[in-house]
Amino acid sequence: MEVKQHHSVKDFLKTTETLLLEREAENNLPLGILHNQKQMNADELYMLTIHHEGECIYSIMRTPPHYWILPSVDVDHKQPVKTLVEYLAEHSFKVPGVIGEASAAEAFVQAYREKNRGLAELHMRQGVYELKKVNELQKCKREAAHSQEAR
């Protein structure tokens, strides 16, 4: 697996957008940040991708001072995350924390503990929900009666 650091938001988005859109609702945070930053200087963003056999299979990004954002993707997180943790340590990136789906965050914590012989702990469990259907609102009786009187 190969890690590539991106210095252009457009390049990173071009490389990762298809991957992130596969689970768009869960990846709305990184997608939103990237689309908002597209025209801006990428000096304040850290953007890394993992490639396997020439294909981007994983990414991670950070807008300091915030946490690293792990993607929601349909791959086993263990090896890409282990590769990322090694890269972050070798290149002296700060790791204040990570945000991501539970399996990705757990894989990161495990790899981080192994690499750094340090402590890592869960700060908060959160979830992402996708709205798939909006129920039609029923008019209240008073509103319906008033509507009929006006006719």
C-alpha atoms as a PDB file:
ATOM      1  CA  MET A   1       0.000   0.000   0.000  1.00  0.00           C
ATOM      2  CA  GLU A   2       1.192   3.457  -0.913  1.00  0.00           C
ATOM      3  CA  VAL A   3       0.378   6.712   0.901  1.00  0.00           C
ATOM      4  CA  LYS A   4       0.139   9.931  -1.089  1.00  0.00           C
ATOM      5  CA  GLN A   5      -0.068  13.375   0.483  1.00  0.00           C
ATOM      6  CA  HIS A   6      -2.116  15.861  -1.524  1.00  0.00           C
ATOM      7  CA  HIS A   7      -1.420  19.589  -1.582  1.00  0.00           C
ATOM      8  CA  SER A   8      -4.374  20.509  -3.766  1.00  0.00           C
ATOM      9  CA  VAL A   9      -7.991  20.238  -2.659  1.00  0.00           C
ATOM     10  CA  LYS A  10      -9.062  19.749  -6.283  1.00  0.00           C
ATOM     11  CA  ASP A  11      -6.585  16.877  -6.699  1.00  0.00           C
ATOM     12  CA  PHE A  12      -7.637  15.236  -3.434  1.00  0.00           C
ATOM     13  CA  LEU A  13     -11.326  15.623  -4.280  1.00  0.00           C
ATOM     14  CA  LYS A  14     -10.773  14.214  -7.769  1.00  0.00           C
ATOM     15  CA  THR A  15      -8.969  11.220  -6.231  1.00  0.00           C
ATOM     16  CA  THR A  16     -11.444  10.548  -3.403  1.00  0.00           C
ATOM     17  CA  GLU A  17     -14.852  11.831  -4.456  1.00  0.00           C
ATOM     18  CA  THR A  18     -16.070   8.622  -6.116  1.00  0.00           C
ATOM     19  CA  LEU A  19     -14.985   6.614  -3.076  1.00  0.00           C
ATOM     20  CA  LEU A  20     -16.647   9.024  -0.630  1.00  0.00           C
ATOM     21  CA  LEU A  21     -19.867   9.280  -2.642  1.00  0.00           C
ATOM     22  CA  GLU A  22     -20.429   5.525  -2.353  1.00  0.00           C
ATOM     23  CA  ARG A  23     -21.594   6.279   1.199  1.00  0.00           C
ATOM     24  CA  GLU A  24     -22.437   9.944   0.774  1.00  0.00           C
ATOM     25  CA  ALA A  25     -24.533  10.446   3.912  1.00  0.00           C
ATOM     26  CA  GLU A  26     -21.786   9.065   6.143  1.00  0.00           C
ATOM     27  CA  ASN A  27     -19.093  11.038   4.317  1.00  0.00           C
ATOM     28  CA  ASN A  28     -20.913  14.371   4.235  1.00  0.00           C
ATOM     29  CA  LEU A  29     -18.395  15.986   6.616  1.00  0.00           C
ATOM     30  CA  PRO A  30     -15.290  15.456   4.453  1.00  0.00           C
ATOM     31  CA  LEU A  31     -17.256  16.082   1.232  1.00  0.00           C
ATOM     32  CA  GLY A  32     -18.655  19.340   2.586  1.00  0.00           C
ATOM     33  CA  ILE A  33     -15.267  20.558   3.776  1.00  0.00           C
ATOM     34  CA  LEU A  34     -13.658  19.697   0.455  1.00  0.00           C
ATOM     35  CA  HIS A  35     -16.342  21.399  -1.623  1.00  0.00           C
ATOM     36  CA  ASN A  36     -16.152  24.520   0.562  1.00  0.00           C
ATOM     37  CA  GLN A  37     -12.353  24.602   0.384  1.00  0.00           C
ATOM     38  CA  LYS A  38     -12.073  23.836  -3.346  1.00  0.00           C
ATOM     39  CA  GLN A  39     -11.175  27.404  -4.284  1.00  0.00           C
ATOM     40  CA  MET A  40      -9.057  28.078  -1.219  1.00  0.00           C
ATOM     41  CA  ASN A  41      -5.418  27.474  -0.334  1.00  0.00           C
ATOM     42  CA  ALA A  42      -4.817  23.932   0.875  1.00  0.00           C
ATOM     43  CA  ASP A  43      -2.067  24.959   3.304  1.00  0.00           C
ATOM     44  CA  GLU A  44      -4.461  24.523   6.211  1.00  0.00           C
ATOM     45  CA  LEU A  45      -5.600  21.054   5.153  1.00  0.00           C
ATOM     46  CA  TYR A  46      -3.822  17.748   5.528  1.00  0.00           C
ATOM     47  CA  MET A  47      -5.052  15.262   2.927  1.00  0.00           C
ATOM     48  CA  LEU A  48      -3.741  11.717   2.507  1.00  0.00           C
ATOM     49  CA  THR A  49      -4.848   8.818   0.343  1.00  0.00           C
ATOM     50  CA  ILE A  50      -3.974   5.130   0.404  1.00  0.00           C
ATOM     51  CA  HIS A  51      -3.533   3.373  -2.908  1.00  0.00           C
ATOM     52  CA  HIS A  52      -3.499  -0.349  -3.548  1.00  0.00           C
ATOM     53  CA  GLU A  53      -2.564  -1.564  -7.015  1.00  0.00           C
ATOM     54  CA  GLY A  54      -2.975   1.975  -8.343  1.00  0.00           C
ATOM     55  CA  GLU A  55      -6.501   2.459  -6.951  1.00  0.00           C
ATOM     56  CA  CYS A  56      -7.438   4.838  -4.138  1.00  0.00           C
ATOM     57  CA  ILE A  57      -8.997   2.662  -1.435  1.00  0.00           C
ATOM     58  CA  TYR A  58      -8.842   4.952   1.604  1.00  0.00           C
ATOM     59  CA  SER A  59      -8.335   8.554   2.644  1.00  0.00           C
ATOM     60  CA  ILE A  60      -7.932  10.702   5.706  1.00  0.00           C
ATOM     61  CA  MET A  61      -8.003  14.453   6.123  1.00  0.00           C
ATOM     62  CA  ARG A  62      -7.610  17.074   8.819  1.00  0.00           C
ATOM     63  CA  THR A  63      -8.317  20.780   9.202  1.00  0.00           C
ATOM     64  CA  PRO A  64      -6.117  21.757  12.173  1.00  0.00           C
ATOM     65  CA  PRO A  65      -6.733  22.080  15.044  1.00  0.00           C
ATOM     66  CA  HIS A  66      -9.569  19.598  14.523  1.00  0.00           C
ATOM     67  CA  TYR A  67      -9.442  15.811  14.478  1.00  0.00           C
ATOM     68  CA  TRP A  68      -8.491  13.600  11.547  1.00  0.00           C
ATOM     69  CA  ILE A  69     -11.548  12.499   9.572  1.00  0.00           C
ATOM     70  CA  LEU A  70     -11.709   8.826   8.602  1.00  0.00           C
ATOM     71  CA  PRO A  71     -13.938   7.861   5.684  1.00  0.00           C
ATOM     72  CA  SER A  72     -16.872   5.478   5.688  1.00  0.00           C
ATOM     73  CA  VAL A  73     -15.887   3.010   2.991  1.00  0.00           C
ATOM     74  CA  ASP A  74     -16.607  -0.603   2.167  1.00  0.00           C
ATOM     75  CA  VAL A  75     -13.143  -2.013   2.927  1.00  0.00           C
ATOM     76  CA  ASP A  76     -11.538  -3.720   5.882  1.00  0.00           C
ATOM     77  CA  HIS A  77     -10.094  -0.737   7.750  1.00  0.00           C
ATOM     78  CA  LYS A  78      -7.264  -2.559   9.525  1.00  0.00           C
ATOM     79  CA  GLN A  79      -4.495  -2.501   6.918  1.00  0.00           C
ATOM     80  CA  PRO A  80      -5.154   0.956   5.421  1.00  0.00           C
ATOM     81  CA  VAL A  81      -5.437   2.467   8.889  1.00  0.00           C
ATOM     82  CA  LYS A  82      -2.265   0.730  10.071  1.00  0.00           C
ATOM     83  CA  THR A  83      -0.448   2.105   7.016  1.00  0.00           C
ATOM     84  CA  LEU A  84      -1.798   5.596   7.754  1.00  0.00           C
ATOM     85  CA  VAL A  85      -0.794   5.466  11.419  1.00  0.00           C
ATOM     86  CA  GLU A  86       2.745   4.493  10.428  1.00  0.00           C
ATOM     87  CA  TYR A  87       2.866   7.323   7.863  1.00  0.00           C
ATOM     88  CA  LEU A  88       1.549   9.884  10.354  1.00  0.00           C
ATOM     89  CA  ALA A  89       4.194   8.860  12.901  1.00  0.00           C
ATOM     90  CA  GLU A  90       7.062   8.775  10.365  1.00  0.00           C
ATOM     91  CA  HIS A  91       6.161  12.268   9.104  1.00  0.00           C
ATOM     92  CA  SER A  92       5.531  13.760  12.578  1.00  0.00           C
ATOM     93  CA  PHE A  93       1.875  14.596  12.039  1.00  0.00           C
ATOM     94  CA  LYS A  94      -0.012  15.471  15.209  1.00  0.00           C
ATOM     95  CA  VAL A  95      -2.928  13.213  16.075  1.00  0.00           C
ATOM     96  CA  PRO A  96      -5.264  14.985  18.498  1.00  0.00           C
ATOM     97  CA  GLY A  97      -7.980  12.449  17.705  1.00  0.00           C
ATOM     98  CA  VAL A  98     -10.053  10.908  14.933  1.00  0.00           C
ATOM     99  CA  ILE A  99     -13.658  11.076  13.788  1.00  0.00           C
ATOM    100  CA  GLY A 100     -15.137   8.189  11.847  1.00  0.00           C
ATOM    101  CA  GLU A 101     -17.408   5.206  11.840  1.00  0.00           C
ATOM    102  CA  ALA A 102     -16.915   2.889  14.811  1.00  0.00           C
ATOM    103  CA  SER A 103     -14.981   0.148  13.000  1.00  0.00           C
ATOM    104  CA  ALA A 104     -12.585   2.679  11.439  1.00  0.00           C
ATOM    105  CA  ALA A 105     -12.035   4.545  14.712  1.00  0.00           C
ATOM    106  CA  GLU A 106     -11.452   1.290  16.601  1.00  0.00           C
ATOM    107  CA  ALA A 107      -8.948   0.122  13.969  1.00  0.00           C
ATOM    108  CA  PHE A 108      -7.172   3.478  14.247  1.00  0.00           C
ATOM    109  CA  VAL A 109      -7.011   3.321  18.047  1.00  0.00           C
ATOM    110  CA  GLN A 110      -5.611  -0.213  17.932  1.00  0.00           C
ATOM    111  CA  ALA A 111      -2.971   0.664  15.330  1.00  0.00           C
ATOM    112  CA  TYR A 112      -2.092   3.891  17.163  1.00  0.00           C
ATOM    113  CA  ARG A 113      -1.616   2.046  20.456  1.00  0.00           C
ATOM    114  CA  GLU A 114       0.615  -0.564  18.800  1.00  0.00           C
ATOM    115  CA  LYS A 115       2.742   2.026  16.985  1.00  0.00           C
ATOM    116  CA  ASN A 116       3.099   4.524  19.805  1.00  0.00           C
ATOM    117  CA  ARG A 117       2.853   2.264  22.833  1.00  0.00           C
ATOM    118  CA  GLY A 118       0.571   4.905  24.173  1.00  0.00           C
ATOM    119  CA  LEU A 119      -2.876   5.324  25.449  1.00  0.00           C
ATOM    120  CA  ALA A 120      -5.835   6.127  23.302  1.00  0.00           C
ATOM    121  CA  GLU A 121      -9.365   6.307  24.515  1.00  0.00           C
ATOM    122  CA  LEU A 122     -12.863   6.707  23.176  1.00  0.00           C
ATOM    123  CA  HIS A 123     -14.121  10.204  23.849  1.00  0.00           C
ATOM    124  CA  MET A 124     -17.629  10.047  22.392  1.00  0.00           C
ATOM    125  CA  ARG A 125     -19.862   7.693  20.407  1.00  0.00           C
ATOM    126  CA  GLN A 126     -21.872   9.395  17.712  1.00  0.00           C
ATOM    127  CA  GLY A 127     -23.919   8.329  14.742  1.00  0.00           C
ATOM    128  CA  VAL A 128     -24.889   9.583  11.320  1.00  0.00           C
ATOM    129  CA  TYR A 129     -28.426   9.168  10.108  1.00  0.00           C
ATOM    130  CA  GLU A 130     -29.620   9.344   6.534  1.00  0.00           C
ATOM    131  CA  LEU A 131     -33.076  10.682   5.810  1.00  0.00           C
ATOM    132  CA  LYS A 132     -34.556   8.561   3.035  1.00  0.00           C
ATOM    133  CA  LYS A 133     -38.211   9.624   3.177  1.00  0.00           C
ATOM    134  CA  VAL A 134     -40.142  12.638   4.385  1.00  0.00           C
ATOM    135  CA  ASN A 135     -43.649  11.931   5.613  1.00  0.00           C
ATOM    136  CA  GLU A 136     -46.328  14.306   4.417  1.00  0.00           C
ATOM    137  CA  LEU A 137     -47.638  16.521   7.198  1.00  0.00           C
ATOM    138  CA  GLN A 138     -51.301  16.204   8.028  1.00  0.00           C
ATOM    139  CA  LYS A 139     -53.167  19.478   8.367  1.00  0.00           C
ATOM    140  CA  CYS A 140     -54.503  19.995  11.842  1.00  0.00           C
ATOM    141  CA  LYS A 141     -58.307  19.997  12.247  1.00  0.00           C
ATOM    142  CA  ARG A 142     -58.506  23.735  12.985  1.00  0.00           C
ATOM    143  CA  GLU A 143     -56.483  24.600   9.885  1.00  0.00           C
ATOM    144  CA  ALA A 144     -58.621  22.287   7.734  1.00  0.00           C
ATOM    145  CA  ALA A 145     -61.858  23.786   9.124  1.00  0.00           C
ATOM    146  CA  HIS A 146     -60.582  27.331   8.578  1.00  0.00           C
ATOM    147  CA  SER A 147     -59.613  26.419   5.032  1.00  0.00           C
ATOM    148  CA  GLN A 148     -63.142  25.115   4.328  1.00  0.00           C
ATOM    149  CA  GLU A 149     -64.768  28.250   5.825  1.00  0.00           C
ATOM    150  CA  ALA A 150     -62.717  30.482   3.554  1.00  0.00           C
ATOM    151  CA  ARG A 151     -64.126  28.785   0.491  1.00  0.00           C
END
